């Protein structure tokens, strides 16, 4: 039986405190979004799909989202 060499010891580079805090904030936001999405899927599983009349067409959602993105972008001269 051959012995496999031990994996090299790679030291991890520590982040600056501000970068670590930003990463934790991003993780928390991502986790909250995933929890919200999971709640919607669980509601659909328990109660079925919502009625078409009670839904917003995807085209309207797309246009609203594009307008929000355009509003966040600085104007180019």
Protein backbone atom coordinates (compact mmCIF):
# COMPACT_ATOMS: atom_id res chain seq x y z
CA UNK A 1 0.00 0.00 0.00
CA UNK A 2 1.48 3.33 -1.05
CA UNK A 3 1.40 6.31 1.22
CA UNK A 4 -0.06 9.45 -0.27
CA UNK A 5 1.82 12.65 0.48
CA UNK A 6 0.24 15.02 2.93
CA UNK A 7 -1.49 17.96 1.26
CA UNK A 8 0.53 21.15 1.37
CA UNK A 9 -0.31 23.55 4.17
CA UNK A 10 -1.71 26.60 2.43
CA UNK A 11 -2.02 29.55 4.76
CA UNK A 12 -5.21 31.50 4.28
CA UNK A 13 -4.94 35.20 3.70
CA UNK A 14 -6.95 37.14 6.25
CA UNK A 15 -9.31 39.85 5.04
CA UNK A 16 -9.29 43.40 6.23
CA UNK A 17 -11.99 43.94 8.90
CA UNK A 18 -14.06 46.16 6.60
CA UNK A 19 -13.91 43.59 3.79
CA UNK A 20 -14.91 40.80 6.17
CA UNK A 21 -17.84 42.89 7.44
CA UNK A 22 -18.95 43.56 3.87
CA UNK A 23 -18.75 39.88 3.04
CA UNK A 24 -20.83 39.00 6.11
CA UNK A 25 -23.43 41.61 5.13
CA UNK A 26 -23.61 40.17 1.61
CA UNK A 27 -24.01 36.66 3.03
CA UNK A 28 -26.83 37.82 5.31
CA UNK A 29 -28.61 39.55 2.40
CA UNK A 30 -28.23 36.45 0.22
CA UNK A 31 -29.51 34.23 3.03
CA UNK A 32 -32.55 36.50 3.55
CA UNK A 33 -33.34 36.41 -0.18
CA UNK A 34 -33.08 32.63 -0.23
CA UNK A 35 -35.35 32.37 2.81
CA UNK A 36 -37.93 34.64 1.15
CA UNK A 37 -37.81 32.58 -2.05
CA UNK A 38 -38.17 29.34 -0.09
CA UNK A 39 -41.20 30.78 1.74
CA UNK A 40 -42.87 31.60 -1.59
CA UNK A 41 -42.25 28.08 -2.89
CA UNK A 42 -43.60 26.56 0.34
CA UNK A 43 -46.73 28.73 0.07
CA UNK A 44 -47.28 27.59 -3.52
CA UNK A 45 -46.80 23.96 -2.46
CA UNK A 46 -49.29 24.33 0.38
CA UNK A 47 -51.92 26.52 -1.34
CA UNK A 48 -51.40 26.11 -5.08
CA UNK A 49 -50.63 28.76 -7.66
CA UNK A 50 -52.21 32.20 -7.31
CA UNK A 51 -54.96 33.21 -9.72
CA UNK A 52 -53.90 34.88 -12.96
CA UNK A 53 -55.99 37.93 -12.09
CA UNK A 54 -54.01 38.45 -8.90
CA UNK A 55 -50.62 38.36 -10.63
CA UNK A 56 -48.55 41.05 -12.32
CA UNK A 57 -47.51 40.25 -15.89
CA UNK A 58 -43.79 39.63 -16.22
CA UNK A 59 -43.47 42.39 -18.83
CA UNK A 60 -44.58 44.97 -16.25
CA UNK A 61 -42.17 43.56 -13.68
CA UNK A 62 -39.34 43.67 -16.22
CA UNK A 63 -40.04 47.27 -17.20
CA UNK A 64 -40.24 48.37 -13.56
CA UNK A 65 -36.95 46.63 -12.80
CA UNK A 66 -35.24 48.19 -15.83
CA UNK A 67 -36.52 51.62 -14.78
CA UNK A 68 -35.09 51.07 -11.26
CA UNK A 69 -31.74 50.06 -12.73
CA UNK A 70 -31.69 53.08 -15.04
CA UNK A 71 -32.47 55.34 -12.08
CA UNK A 72 -29.51 53.96 -10.14
CA UNK A 73 -27.08 54.54 -12.99
CA UNK A 74 -25.44 57.94 -13.29
CA UNK A 75 -26.22 59.81 -16.47
CA UNK A 76 -23.49 59.93 -19.09
CA UNK A 77 -22.80 63.33 -20.65
